Amino acid sequence: MASESWWRPLLAQKPPAASSQTRQGDMIYRTLGRTGEKVSVVGLGGHHIGRPQDEQEGIRLVRAAIDRGINFMDNCWDYHNGGSEIRMGKALKEGYRDKVFLMTKIDGRTKAAAAKQIDESLQRLQTDRIDLLQHHEVIRLEDPDRIFAPGGAMEAVVAAQKAGKIRYIGFTGHKDPIVHLRMLKMAADNNFRFDAVQMPLNVMDAHFRSFESDVLPILVRENIGVLGMKSMGDQIILKSNVVKPIECLHYAMNLPTSTVITGIERMEILEQALEAARTFQPLTQAQVQALLDRTAPVAAKGQYELYKTSQQFDGTAKNPEWLG
């Protein structure tokens, strides 16, 4: 692992400077790290669009989100056994594809598995390019080693980038900031720098195994796009009864996030996310402290962050064959 000086938090977390974001209508757009891409402050979560029983309802949600200004589309090769990508591919036809920044993720840790999953994602999404491809569920200490090993997934991802199949490269994980730090260190050791990194950023994370404290400052320093997720922990954080949905979204937006990916499976949840973007104003230090003080007693042991403390959210643990 890197020395302490490499990962020690370097700065107080603040929302992006005005120069790196713009407001168009009711939506805020921020710059995705050093890529220069402009992405909506709210991202549409890919897993949730696969939840409605009616495929047409999932397609309607995607198009409604785009029509209202959300241009960051999240997805993954394994969501609903490919069903989420299939729905998004259908939704992005008829001129919608060029209106969005399309991201998906792969689970493969070997070159062969990763290459196969990339091609399958392209086919399902009905596109010839993925704007951002991410290594999914980097949650084990050995995952970075497997990805960067000879014959590992990174070889397939870089080859796909050179072939024009993907534009940018990132990784995701939700288990422990130590794993993210190891992934970043492994990349540095291989003279590679990620374009984006996705991780839980929310009012509970600040108190327990904190990605905000340990990883976020490095991403800001390196100008790597920050993708926040689990602002409400799939509604579990709301069960603490100490914080409201809009507060959860505003807290994550107040960090130096490029986009805050949120699960949207019903129109009223889409309206909630849009309202959070419309009403967002940078929080004062006192407002942030009040939220942290309110959540501290229930967050200290991670009981509302089950993605960190259980295997409930670990799809690759339940399906190890996805790793290759």
Protein backbone atom coordinates (compact mmCIF):
# COMPACT_ATOMS: atom_id res chain seq x y z
CA MET A 1 0.00 0.00 0.00
CA ALA A 2 0.96 3.60 -0.38
CA SER A 3 2.50 5.61 2.41
CA GLU A 4 0.21 7.58 4.69
CA SER A 5 1.20 10.84 3.03
CA TRP A 6 -0.17 9.55 -0.27
CA TRP A 7 -3.73 9.04 0.92
CA ARG A 8 -4.16 11.47 3.78
CA PRO A 9 -7.11 13.82 3.08
CA LEU A 10 -5.73 17.04 1.67
CA LEU A 11 -8.59 19.50 1.73
CA ALA A 12 -12.01 20.28 3.07
CA GLN A 13 -14.67 18.95 0.75
CA LYS A 14 -16.49 21.67 -1.14
CA PRO A 15 -18.87 21.63 -4.11
CA PRO A 16 -17.33 22.35 -7.54
CA ALA A 17 -16.37 25.92 -8.26
CA ALA A 18 -18.82 27.97 -10.27
CA SER A 19 -16.45 27.84 -13.24
CA SER A 20 -16.81 24.05 -13.47
CA GLN A 21 -20.60 23.96 -13.46
CA THR A 22 -23.45 25.58 -15.32
CA ARG A 23 -27.20 25.69 -14.84
CA GLN A 24 -29.50 25.21 -17.80
CA GLY A 25 -33.14 25.54 -16.85
CA ASP A 26 -33.69 23.44 -13.75
CA MET A 27 -30.62 21.21 -14.24
CA ILE A 28 -27.02 21.72 -13.13
CA TYR A 29 -24.18 20.37 -15.28
CA ARG A 30 -20.69 19.73 -13.97
CA THR A 31 -17.40 18.88 -15.60
CA LEU A 32 -16.37 15.21 -15.35
CA GLY A 33 -12.82 15.50 -14.08
CA ARG A 34 -10.23 16.20 -16.74
CA THR A 35 -12.37 14.76 -19.54
CA GLY A 36 -14.09 18.11 -20.09
CA GLU A 37 -17.44 16.31 -20.52
CA LYS A 38 -20.48 18.07 -19.04
CA VAL A 39 -22.75 15.75 -17.07
CA SER A 40 -25.95 16.38 -15.16
CA VAL A 41 -25.62 16.67 -11.39
CA VAL A 42 -28.18 13.85 -11.18
CA GLY A 43 -27.43 10.56 -12.93
CA LEU A 44 -30.04 7.94 -13.79
CA GLY A 45 -29.30 4.66 -12.00
CA GLY A 46 -29.35 1.66 -14.32
CA HIS A 47 -30.44 -1.04 -11.89
CA HIS A 48 -33.72 0.64 -11.02
CA ILE A 49 -34.91 1.09 -14.60
CA GLY A 50 -34.96 -2.71 -14.79
CA ARG A 51 -37.27 -3.04 -11.80
CA PRO A 52 -40.66 -2.10 -13.30
CA GLN A 53 -42.37 -5.26 -14.57
CA ASP A 54 -43.41 -3.46 -17.75
CA GLU A 55 -40.43 -2.87 -20.02
CA GLN A 56 -42.17 0.12 -21.57
CA GLU A 57 -42.31 1.79 -18.16
CA GLY A 58 -38.52 1.49 -17.84
CA ILE A 59 -38.09 2.96 -21.32
CA ARG A 60 -40.51 5.78 -20.47
CA LEU A 61 -38.49 6.62 -17.33
CA VAL A 62 -35.25 6.87 -19.31
CA ARG A 63 -36.72 9.16 -21.95
CA ALA A 64 -38.56 11.31 -19.40
CA ALA A 65 -35.30 11.79 -17.49
CA ILE A 66 -33.46 12.83 -20.67
CA ASP A 67 -36.27 15.16 -21.70
CA ARG A 68 -35.98 16.87 -18.30
CA GLY A 69 -32.21 17.40 -18.55
CA ILE A 70 -30.60 14.29 -17.05
CA ASN A 71 -27.86 13.24 -19.45
CA PHE A 72 -25.76 10.82 -17.33
CA MET A 73 -26.92 7.24 -17.86
CA ASP A 74 -25.65 4.54 -15.49
CA ASN A 75 -25.86 0.84 -16.29
CA CYS A 76 -24.08 -2.49 -15.85
CA TRP A 77 -23.57 -5.69 -17.81
CA ASP A 78 -25.11 -7.75 -14.99
CA TYR A 79 -28.14 -5.66 -14.01
CA HIS A 80 -31.21 -7.88 -14.32
CA ASN A 81 -29.13 -10.34 -16.37
CA GLY A 82 -28.69 -7.72 -19.06
CA GLY A 83 -32.28 -6.51 -18.93
CA SER A 84 -31.37 -2.99 -17.84
CA GLU A 85 -28.98 -2.55 -20.75
CA ILE A 86 -31.57 -3.93 -23.18
CA ARG A 87 -34.16 -1.43 -21.92
CA MET A 88 -31.73 1.45 -22.10
CA GLY A 89 -30.68 0.45 -25.61
CA LYS A 90 -34.30 0.60 -26.74
CA ALA A 91 -34.86 3.90 -24.92
CA LEU A 92 -31.84 5.53 -26.55
CA LYS A 93 -33.07 4.97 -30.09
CA GLU A 94 -34.88 7.65 -32.11
CA GLY A 95 -32.28 10.33 -31.48
CA TYR A 96 -31.83 9.93 -27.72
CA ARG A 97 -28.37 8.32 -27.84
CA ASP A 98 -26.59 11.52 -28.83
CA LYS A 99 -28.22 13.42 -25.97
CA VAL A 100 -26.57 11.37 -23.22
CA PHE A 101 -23.28 10.43 -21.64
CA LEU A 102 -23.58 6.64 -21.51
CA MET A 103 -21.80 4.63 -18.83
CA THR A 104 -21.86 0.91 -18.17
CA LYS A 105 -19.80 -1.51 -16.12
CA ILE A 106 -18.31 -4.98 -16.51
CA ASP A 107 -17.50 -7.66 -13.93
CA GLY A 108 -14.86 -9.66 -15.80
CA ARG A 109 -11.44 -9.79 -14.19
CA THR A 110 -9.74 -11.66 -17.03
CA LYS A 111 -9.01 -10.27 -20.48
CA ALA A 112 -11.29 -12.81 -22.12
CA ALA A 113 -14.23 -12.27 -19.77
CA ALA A 114 -13.93 -8.49 -19.95
CA ALA A 115 -13.73 -8.43 -23.76
CA LYS A 116 -16.81 -10.66 -24.03
CA GLN A 117 -18.82 -8.51 -21.62
CA ILE A 118 -17.85 -5.27 -23.40
CA ASP A 119 -19.11 -6.61 -26.71
CA GLU A 120 -22.32 -7.91 -25.12
CA SER A 121 -22.96 -4.52 -23.50
CA LEU A 122 -22.46 -2.73 -26.82
CA GLN A 123 -24.93 -5.07 -28.48
CA ARG A 124 -27.58 -4.69 -25.77
CA LEU A 125 -27.18 -0.92 -25.64
CA GLN A 126 -27.46 -0.78 -29.45
CA THR A 127 -24.50 1.56 -29.74
CA ASP A 128 -21.04 1.52 -31.27
CA ARG A 129 -19.45 3.35 -28.35
CA ILE A 130 -19.71 3.53 -24.58
CA ASP A 131 -18.72 6.91 -23.18
CA LEU A 132 -17.45 5.53 -19.87
CA LEU A 133 -16.72 1.89 -19.10
CA GLN A 134 -16.03 0.96 -15.49
CA HIS A 135 -14.64 -2.07 -13.70
CA HIS A 136 -17.58 -3.02 -11.49
CA GLU A 137 -17.63 -4.03 -7.83
CA VAL A 138 -13.98 -3.57 -7.00
CA ILE A 139 -14.72 -4.75 -3.45
CA ARG A 140 -11.97 -7.30 -2.66
CA LEU A 141 -8.34 -6.48 -1.97
CA GLU A 142 -7.31 -8.87 -4.74
CA ASP A 143 -9.55 -7.26 -7.38
CA PRO A 144 -6.98 -4.60 -8.38
CA ASP A 145 -4.31 -7.30 -8.73
CA ARG A 146 -6.51 -9.38 -11.01
CA ILE A 147 -7.56 -6.41 -13.14
CA PHE A 148 -4.00 -5.17 -13.71
CA ALA A 149 -2.34 -8.61 -13.97
CA PRO A 150 -0.98 -9.85 -17.31
CA GLY A 151 -4.00 -11.24 -19.12
CA GLY A 152 -6.28 -9.24 -16.82
CA ALA A 153 -9.35 -7.16 -17.55
CA MET A 154 -7.43 -3.91 -18.02
CA GLU A 155 -5.81 -5.27 -21.17
CA ALA A 156 -9.25 -5.81 -22.73
CA VAL A 157 -10.53 -2.41 -21.61
CA VAL A 158 -7.53 -0.53 -23.00
CA ALA A 159 -7.78 -2.51 -26.25
CA ALA A 160 -11.47 -1.58 -26.51
CA GLN A 161 -10.58 2.06 -25.97
CA LYS A 162 -7.97 1.94 -28.73
CA ALA A 163 -10.56 0.31 -30.99
CA GLY A 164 -13.00 3.16 -30.38
CA LYS A 165 -15.52 1.02 -28.53
CA ILE A 166 -15.18 3.04 -25.32
CA ARG A 167 -14.02 6.58 -24.62
CA TYR A 168 -13.15 6.77 -20.91
CA ILE A 169 -12.24 4.26 -18.19
CA GLY A 170 -13.18 4.12 -14.52
CA PHE A 171 -13.99 1.76 -11.66
CA THR A 172 -16.64 1.36 -8.98
CA GLY A 173 -16.88 -0.20 -5.55
CA HIS A 174 -18.92 0.09 -2.39
CA LYS A 175 -17.21 -2.00 0.27
CA ASP A 176 -14.26 -0.20 1.84
CA PRO A 177 -12.15 2.84 0.94
CA ILE A 178 -9.03 0.72 1.46
CA VAL A 179 -9.90 -1.21 -1.71
CA HIS A 180 -10.33 2.02 -3.68
CA LEU A 181 -6.97 3.25 -2.43
CA ARG A 182 -5.35 0.01 -3.51
CA MET A 183 -6.94 0.28 -6.95
CA LEU A 184 -5.67 3.85 -7.35
CA LYS A 185 -2.19 2.83 -6.17
CA MET A 186 -2.15 -0.15 -8.55
CA ALA A 187 -3.10 2.16 -11.41
CA ALA A 188 -0.32 4.60 -10.50
CA ASP A 189 2.18 1.76 -10.33
CA ASN A 190 1.14 0.82 -13.88
CA ASN A 191 1.36 4.42 -15.17
CA PHE A 192 -2.39 4.56 -15.61
CA ARG A 193 -4.85 7.20 -14.40
CA PHE A 194 -8.57 6.60 -14.28
CA ASP A 195 -10.98 9.10 -15.80
CA ALA A 196 -13.70 8.51 -13.20
CA VAL A 197 -14.30 6.66 -9.94
CA GLN A 198 -17.68 5.72 -8.45
CA MET A 199 -18.29 5.24 -4.73
CA PRO A 200 -20.84 5.72 -1.92
CA LEU A 201 -21.07 9.33 -0.83
CA ASN A 202 -23.78 10.13 1.68
CA VAL A 203 -24.59 11.42 5.14
CA MET A 204 -23.80 8.03 6.74
CA ASP A 205 -20.54 7.36 4.89
CA ALA A 206 -19.00 10.43 6.53
CA HIS A 207 -19.01 8.55 9.86
CA PHE A 208 -17.99 4.97 8.94
CA ARG A 209 -15.29 3.60 6.59
CA SER A 210 -15.52 6.94 4.85
CA PHE A 211 -14.94 7.22 1.12
CA GLU A 212 -15.49 10.94 1.52
CA SER A 213 -12.60 11.28 3.96
CA ASP A 214 -10.13 8.80 2.50
CA VAL A 215 -10.71 8.66 -1.27
CA LEU A 216 -12.45 11.83 -2.40
CA PRO A 217 -9.50 14.18 -1.71
CA ILE A 218 -7.26 12.07 -3.95
CA LEU A 219 -9.76 12.17 -6.81
CA VAL A 220 -10.07 15.94 -6.48
CA ARG A 221 -6.30 16.34 -6.42
CA GLU A 222 -5.86 14.13 -9.48
CA ASN A 223 -8.81 15.73 -11.32
CA ILE A 224 -10.57 12.37 -11.64
CA GLY A 225 -14.33 12.55 -12.16
CA VAL A 226 -16.26 11.75 -8.97
CA LEU A 227 -19.40 9.65 -9.37
CA GLY A 228 -21.43 9.55 -6.16
CA MET A 229 -23.80 6.67 -5.52
CA LYS A 230 -26.00 5.29 -2.75
CA SER A 231 -27.03 8.73 -1.55
CA MET A 232 -29.91 6.93 0.19
CA GLY A 233 -28.44 3.42 0.19
CA ASP A 234 -31.36 1.97 -1.80
CA GLN A 235 -33.76 3.66 0.68
CA ILE A 236 -32.13 1.96 3.69
CA ILE A 237 -30.61 5.21 4.97
CA LEU A 238 -34.10 6.73 5.02
CA LYS A 239 -35.20 4.03 7.47
CA SER A 240 -33.03 5.72 10.09
CA ASN A 241 -35.75 8.40 10.22
CA VAL A 242 -33.17 11.14 10.74
CA VAL A 243 -32.82 12.44 7.18
CA LYS A 244 -35.10 13.13 4.21
CA PRO A 245 -34.54 12.22 0.54
CA ILE A 246 -33.87 15.78 -0.65
CA GLU A 247 -31.38 16.26 2.21
CA CYS A 248 -29.58 13.09 1.15
CA LEU A 249 -29.32 14.26 -2.45
CA HIS A 250 -28.27 17.78 -1.50
CA TYR A 251 -25.54 16.47 0.81
CA ALA A 252 -24.05 14.39 -2.02
CA MET A 253 -24.41 17.24 -4.51
CA ASN A 254 -22.62 19.54 -2.09
CA LEU A 255 -19.51 17.39 -2.30
CA PRO A 256 -17.17 17.79 -5.31
CA THR A 257 -19.18 15.20 -7.23
CA SER A 258 -19.51 15.35 -11.00
CA THR A 259 -22.83 13.51 -10.79
CA VAL A 260 -24.90 11.83 -8.09
CA ILE A 261 -26.33 8.59 -9.48
CA THR A 262 -29.71 7.79 -7.99
CA GLY A 263 -32.10 4.91 -8.50
CA ILE A 264 -35.31 5.95 -10.26
CA GLU A 265 -37.99 3.30 -10.76
CA ARG A 266 -41.12 5.46 -10.62
CA MET A 267 -42.09 8.85 -11.98
CA GLU A 268 -42.48 10.34 -8.50
CA ILE A 269 -38.87 9.39 -7.71
CA LEU A 270 -37.77 11.08 -10.93
CA GLU A 271 -39.64 14.21 -9.85
CA GLN A 272 -37.91 14.04 -6.47
CA ALA A 273 -34.48 13.91 -8.10
CA LEU A 274 -35.33 16.76 -10.44
CA GLU A 275 -36.59 18.84 -7.52
CA ALA A 276 -33.31 18.23 -5.69
CA ALA A 277 -31.39 19.56 -8.68
CA ARG A 278 -33.73 22.52 -9.14
CA THR A 279 -33.51 23.62 -5.50
CA PHE A 280 -29.85 22.89 -4.84
CA GLN A 281 -27.73 25.66 -3.42
CA PRO A 282 -24.29 25.10 -1.85
CA LEU A 283 -24.73 24.18 1.80
CA THR A 284 -23.15 26.33 4.45
CA GLN A 285 -20.66 24.80 6.86
CA ALA A 286 -23.31 25.07 9.57
CA GLN A 287 -25.87 23.19 7.43
CA VAL A 288 -23.38 20.40 6.71
CA GLN A 289 -22.45 20.14 10.37
CA ALA A 290 -26.10 19.97 11.38
CA LEU A 291 -26.67 17.04 9.02
CA LEU A 292 -23.57 15.26 10.30
CA ASP A 293 -24.53 15.84 13.92
CA ARG A 294 -28.01 14.46 13.26
CA THR A 295 -26.76 11.31 11.50
CA ALA A 296 -23.72 10.54 13.69
CA PRO A 297 -25.51 8.54 16.42
CA VAL A 298 -27.09 6.10 13.94
CA ALA A 299 -24.19 5.92 11.46
CA ALA A 300 -21.25 5.01 13.67
CA LYS A 301 -21.45 1.23 13.16
CA GLY A 302 -22.57 1.16 9.54
CA GLN A 303 -25.95 -0.37 10.32
CA TYR A 304 -27.59 1.66 7.55
CA GLU A 305 -24.78 1.05 5.05
CA LEU A 306 -25.40 -2.61 4.32
CA TYR A 307 -23.40 -2.38 1.09
CA LYS A 308 -20.34 -2.05 3.35
CA THR A 309 -21.27 -4.43 6.17
CA SER A 310 -23.06 -7.29 4.37
CA GLN A 311 -23.07 -9.15 1.06
CA GLN A 312 -26.58 -7.95 0.22
CA PHE A 313 -25.28 -5.68 -2.57
CA ASP A 314 -22.39 -7.91 -3.73
CA GLY A 315 -23.62 -9.35 -7.01
CA THR A 316 -20.23 -10.82 -7.90
CA ALA A 317 -20.02 -12.62 -4.55
CA LYS A 318 -23.27 -14.39 -5.34
CA ASN A 319 -22.24 -14.99 -8.97
CA PRO A 320 -18.46 -15.54 -8.99
CA GLU A 321 -18.62 -16.88 -12.53
CA TRP A 322 -19.16 -13.28 -13.69
CA LEU A 323 -15.56 -12.53 -12.75
CA GLY A 324 -14.13 -15.07 -15.18
